[in-house]
């Protein structure tokens, strides 16, 4: 079993996104991986508030700190890329952690209608970090 950090959207339609993130975790387990998704843990009631910028930043940083122990970052793209996901991808690249992009077969009919926008966002993020000193 390998340790993987899961990137999926949280902000926005949180009910849908939590359901999706749980499906991503299940997908990882079915692949024999040990997944971690901080956005499902730290956003629980009484922990951190995603709508408070300082707490959102704190949660992202804590999740990426744990994620630095992962062997890979798995990015689930059926619902597009959020700014938090782009940041997580960039951190993985900077830390030399492999990044893998995935989709869930049973979510294909719900896939982001503007998939091209997702790819363009990713391309911009990678370019920024390639140009960084």
C-alpha atoms as a PDB file:
ATOM      1  CA  UNK A   1       0.000   0.000   0.000  1.00  0.00           C
ATOM      2  CA  UNK A   2       1.392   3.400  -0.927  1.00  0.00           C
ATOM      3  CA  UNK A   3       0.536   6.695   0.800  1.00  0.00           C
ATOM      4  CA  UNK A   4      -1.279   9.131  -1.501  1.00  0.00           C
ATOM      5  CA  UNK A   5      -2.504  12.683  -1.051  1.00  0.00           C
ATOM      6  CA  UNK A   6      -5.909  13.244  -2.639  1.00  0.00           C
ATOM      7  CA  UNK A   7      -6.714  16.514  -4.395  1.00  0.00           C
ATOM      8  CA  UNK A   8     -10.379  17.164  -5.209  1.00  0.00           C
ATOM      9  CA  UNK A   9     -12.554  20.288  -4.994  1.00  0.00           C
ATOM     10  CA  UNK A  10     -14.131  21.342  -1.708  1.00  0.00           C
ATOM     11  CA  UNK A  11     -15.218  24.958  -2.035  1.00  0.00           C
ATOM     12  CA  UNK A  12     -18.440  25.719  -3.882  1.00  0.00           C
ATOM     13  CA  UNK A  13     -21.037  22.961  -3.913  1.00  0.00           C
ATOM     14  CA  UNK A  14     -19.736  21.403  -0.701  1.00  0.00           C
ATOM     15  CA  UNK A  15     -22.375  18.682  -0.455  1.00  0.00           C
ATOM     16  CA  UNK A  16     -21.545  17.391  -3.938  1.00  0.00           C
ATOM     17  CA  UNK A  17     -17.815  17.901  -3.437  1.00  0.00           C
ATOM     18  CA  UNK A  18     -17.738  15.956  -0.148  1.00  0.00           C
ATOM     19  CA  UNK A  19     -19.634  13.089  -1.785  1.00  0.00           C
ATOM     20  CA  UNK A  20     -17.148  13.187  -4.655  1.00  0.00           C
ATOM     21  CA  UNK A  21     -14.109  13.299  -2.330  1.00  0.00           C
ATOM     22  CA  UNK A  22     -15.400  10.264  -0.454  1.00  0.00           C
ATOM     23  CA  UNK A  23     -15.749   8.437  -3.781  1.00  0.00           C
ATOM     24  CA  UNK A  24     -12.143   9.413  -4.565  1.00  0.00           C
ATOM     25  CA  UNK A  25     -10.993   7.906  -1.270  1.00  0.00           C
ATOM     26  CA  UNK A  26     -12.876   4.708  -2.074  1.00  0.00           C
ATOM     27  CA  UNK A  27     -11.233   4.627  -5.508  1.00  0.00           C
ATOM     28  CA  UNK A  28      -7.805   4.879  -3.868  1.00  0.00           C
ATOM     29  CA  UNK A  29      -8.589   2.057  -1.453  1.00  0.00           C
ATOM     30  CA  UNK A  30      -9.768  -0.104  -4.363  1.00  0.00           C
ATOM     31  CA  UNK A  31      -6.384   0.522  -5.989  1.00  0.00           C
ATOM     32  CA  UNK A  32      -4.549  -0.618  -2.860  1.00  0.00           C
ATOM     33  CA  UNK A  33      -3.529   2.885  -1.775  1.00  0.00           C
ATOM     34  CA  UNK A  34      -3.665   4.604   1.615  1.00  0.00           C
ATOM     35  CA  UNK A  35      -5.326   7.982   0.829  1.00  0.00           C
ATOM     36  CA  UNK A  36      -5.351  11.199   2.849  1.00  0.00           C
ATOM     37  CA  UNK A  37      -7.766  14.061   2.121  1.00  0.00           C
ATOM     38  CA  UNK A  38      -7.316  16.901   4.585  1.00  0.00           C
ATOM     39  CA  UNK A  39     -10.299  18.786   3.166  1.00  0.00           C
ATOM     40  CA  UNK A  40     -12.579  16.044   4.491  1.00  0.00           C
ATOM     41  CA  UNK A  41     -10.939  15.981   7.912  1.00  0.00           C
ATOM     42  CA  UNK A  42     -10.190  19.595   8.764  1.00  0.00           C
ATOM     43  CA  UNK A  43     -13.506  21.013   7.537  1.00  0.00           C
ATOM     44  CA  UNK A  44     -15.625  18.952   9.901  1.00  0.00           C
ATOM     45  CA  UNK A  45     -17.804  20.894  12.311  1.00  0.00           C
ATOM     46  CA  UNK A  46     -15.803  22.314  15.196  1.00  0.00           C
ATOM     47  CA  UNK A  47     -12.405  22.034  13.477  1.00  0.00           C
ATOM     48  CA  UNK A  48     -11.711  24.729  10.835  1.00  0.00           C
ATOM     49  CA  UNK A  49     -14.042  26.991   8.826  1.00  0.00           C
ATOM     50  CA  UNK A  50     -13.294  26.950   5.102  1.00  0.00           C
ATOM     51  CA  UNK A  51     -15.034  30.340   4.729  1.00  0.00           C
ATOM     52  CA  UNK A  52     -12.541  32.046   7.054  1.00  0.00           C
ATOM     53  CA  UNK A  53      -9.434  32.752   4.912  1.00  0.00           C
ATOM     54  CA  UNK A  54      -6.929  32.299   7.746  1.00  0.00           C
ATOM     55  CA  UNK A  55      -8.450  28.962   8.739  1.00  0.00           C
ATOM     56  CA  UNK A  56      -8.655  27.809   5.107  1.00  0.00           C
ATOM     57  CA  UNK A  57      -4.961  28.622   4.666  1.00  0.00           C
ATOM     58  CA  UNK A  58      -4.116  26.864   7.919  1.00  0.00           C
ATOM     59  CA  UNK A  59      -5.998  23.745   6.797  1.00  0.00           C
ATOM     60  CA  UNK A  60      -4.361  23.716   3.366  1.00  0.00           C
ATOM     61  CA  UNK A  61      -0.896  24.120   4.864  1.00  0.00           C
ATOM     62  CA  UNK A  62      -1.497  21.392   7.470  1.00  0.00           C
ATOM     63  CA  UNK A  63      -2.815  19.048   4.792  1.00  0.00           C
ATOM     64  CA  UNK A  64       0.172  19.675   2.550  1.00  0.00           C
ATOM     65  CA  UNK A  65       2.544  19.141   5.461  1.00  0.00           C
ATOM     66  CA  UNK A  66       1.020  15.692   5.968  1.00  0.00           C
ATOM     67  CA  UNK A  67       0.980  15.307   2.208  1.00  0.00           C
ATOM     68  CA  UNK A  68       4.739  15.767   2.061  1.00  0.00           C
ATOM     69  CA  UNK A  69       4.898  12.267   3.557  1.00  0.00           C
ATOM     70  CA  UNK A  70       2.890  10.869   0.636  1.00  0.00           C
ATOM     71  CA  UNK A  71       4.512   8.977  -2.198  1.00  0.00           C
ATOM     72  CA  UNK A  72       2.178  10.476  -4.840  1.00  0.00           C
ATOM     73  CA  UNK A  73      -0.448  13.162  -5.244  1.00  0.00           C
ATOM     74  CA  UNK A  74      -3.660  11.982  -6.891  1.00  0.00           C
ATOM     75  CA  UNK A  75      -5.672  14.722  -8.571  1.00  0.00           C
ATOM     76  CA  UNK A  76      -9.297  13.867  -9.344  1.00  0.00           C
ATOM     77  CA  UNK A  77     -10.439  16.098 -12.193  1.00  0.00           C
ATOM     78  CA  UNK A  78     -14.078  15.211 -12.910  1.00  0.00           C
ATOM     79  CA  UNK A  79     -15.311  18.418 -11.239  1.00  0.00           C
ATOM     80  CA  UNK A  80     -12.513  20.672 -12.449  1.00  0.00           C
ATOM     81  CA  UNK A  81      -9.621  22.226 -10.552  1.00  0.00           C
ATOM     82  CA  UNK A  82     -10.052  24.552  -7.593  1.00  0.00           C
ATOM     83  CA  UNK A  83      -7.435  27.093  -6.507  1.00  0.00           C
ATOM     84  CA  UNK A  84      -6.599  24.837  -3.552  1.00  0.00           C
ATOM     85  CA  UNK A  85      -6.014  21.910  -5.907  1.00  0.00           C
ATOM     86  CA  UNK A  86      -3.742  23.982  -8.142  1.00  0.00           C
ATOM     87  CA  UNK A  87      -1.750  24.996  -5.066  1.00  0.00           C
ATOM     88  CA  UNK A  88      -1.503  21.332  -4.012  1.00  0.00           C
ATOM     89  CA  UNK A  89      -0.310  20.316  -7.480  1.00  0.00           C
ATOM     90  CA  UNK A  90       2.306  23.054  -7.452  1.00  0.00           C
ATOM     91  CA  UNK A  91       3.556  21.996  -4.004  1.00  0.00           C
ATOM     92  CA  UNK A  92       3.823  18.383  -5.148  1.00  0.00           C
ATOM     93  CA  UNK A  93       5.872  19.449  -8.170  1.00  0.00           C
ATOM     94  CA  UNK A  94       8.145  21.644  -6.040  1.00  0.00           C
ATOM     95  CA  UNK A  95       8.636  18.825  -3.526  1.00  0.00           C
ATOM     96  CA  UNK A  96       9.393  16.337  -6.304  1.00  0.00           C
ATOM     97  CA  UNK A  97       6.328  14.201  -5.595  1.00  0.00           C
ATOM     98  CA  UNK A  98       4.768  12.484  -8.619  1.00  0.00           C
ATOM     99  CA  UNK A  99       1.335  13.810  -9.620  1.00  0.00           C
ATOM    100  CA  UNK A 100      -1.270  11.580 -11.251  1.00  0.00           C
ATOM    101  CA  UNK A 101      -4.537  12.799 -12.775  1.00  0.00           C
ATOM    102  CA  UNK A 102      -7.605  10.614 -12.488  1.00  0.00           C
ATOM    103  CA  UNK A 103     -11.307  10.538 -13.102  1.00  0.00           C
ATOM    104  CA  UNK A 104     -14.010   8.309 -11.702  1.00  0.00           C
ATOM    105  CA  UNK A 105     -15.817   6.235 -14.333  1.00  0.00           C
ATOM    106  CA  UNK A 106     -19.223   6.624 -12.695  1.00  0.00           C
ATOM    107  CA  UNK A 107     -18.803  10.428 -12.535  1.00  0.00           C
ATOM    108  CA  UNK A 108     -18.152  10.787 -16.279  1.00  0.00           C
ATOM    109  CA  UNK A 109     -21.688  12.022 -16.908  1.00  0.00           C
ATOM    110  CA  UNK A 110     -21.119  14.712 -14.255  1.00  0.00           C
ATOM    111  CA  UNK A 111     -17.719  15.754 -15.577  1.00  0.00           C
ATOM    112  CA  UNK A 112     -16.987  19.466 -15.701  1.00  0.00           C
ATOM    113  CA  UNK A 113     -18.699  20.845 -18.814  1.00  0.00           C
ATOM    114  CA  UNK A 114     -15.746  23.125 -19.483  1.00  0.00           C
ATOM    115  CA  UNK A 115     -12.973  20.545 -19.288  1.00  0.00           C
ATOM    116  CA  UNK A 116     -10.783  22.686 -21.540  1.00  0.00           C
ATOM    117  CA  UNK A 117     -10.779  25.387 -18.856  1.00  0.00           C
ATOM    118  CA  UNK A 118      -9.479  22.816 -16.361  1.00  0.00           C
ATOM    119  CA  UNK A 119      -6.604  21.911 -18.656  1.00  0.00           C
ATOM    120  CA  UNK A 120      -5.764  25.571 -19.294  1.00  0.00           C
ATOM    121  CA  UNK A 121      -5.752  26.301 -15.548  1.00  0.00           C
ATOM    122  CA  UNK A 122      -3.391  23.403 -14.979  1.00  0.00           C
ATOM    123  CA  UNK A 123      -1.127  24.539 -17.802  1.00  0.00           C
ATOM    124  CA  UNK A 124      -0.897  28.031 -16.306  1.00  0.00           C
ATOM    125  CA  UNK A 125      -0.071  26.622 -12.865  1.00  0.00           C
ATOM    126  CA  UNK A 126       2.693  24.423 -14.221  1.00  0.00           C
ATOM    127  CA  UNK A 127       4.142  27.308 -16.247  1.00  0.00           C
ATOM    128  CA  UNK A 128       4.267  29.547 -13.160  1.00  0.00           C
ATOM    129  CA  UNK A 129       6.223  26.965 -11.217  1.00  0.00           C
ATOM    130  CA  UNK A 130       8.528  26.119 -14.096  1.00  0.00           C
ATOM    131  CA  UNK A 131       9.481  29.792 -14.297  1.00  0.00           C
ATOM    132  CA  UNK A 132       9.961  30.161 -10.519  1.00  0.00           C
ATOM    133  CA  UNK A 133      13.561  30.483  -9.301  1.00  0.00           C
END
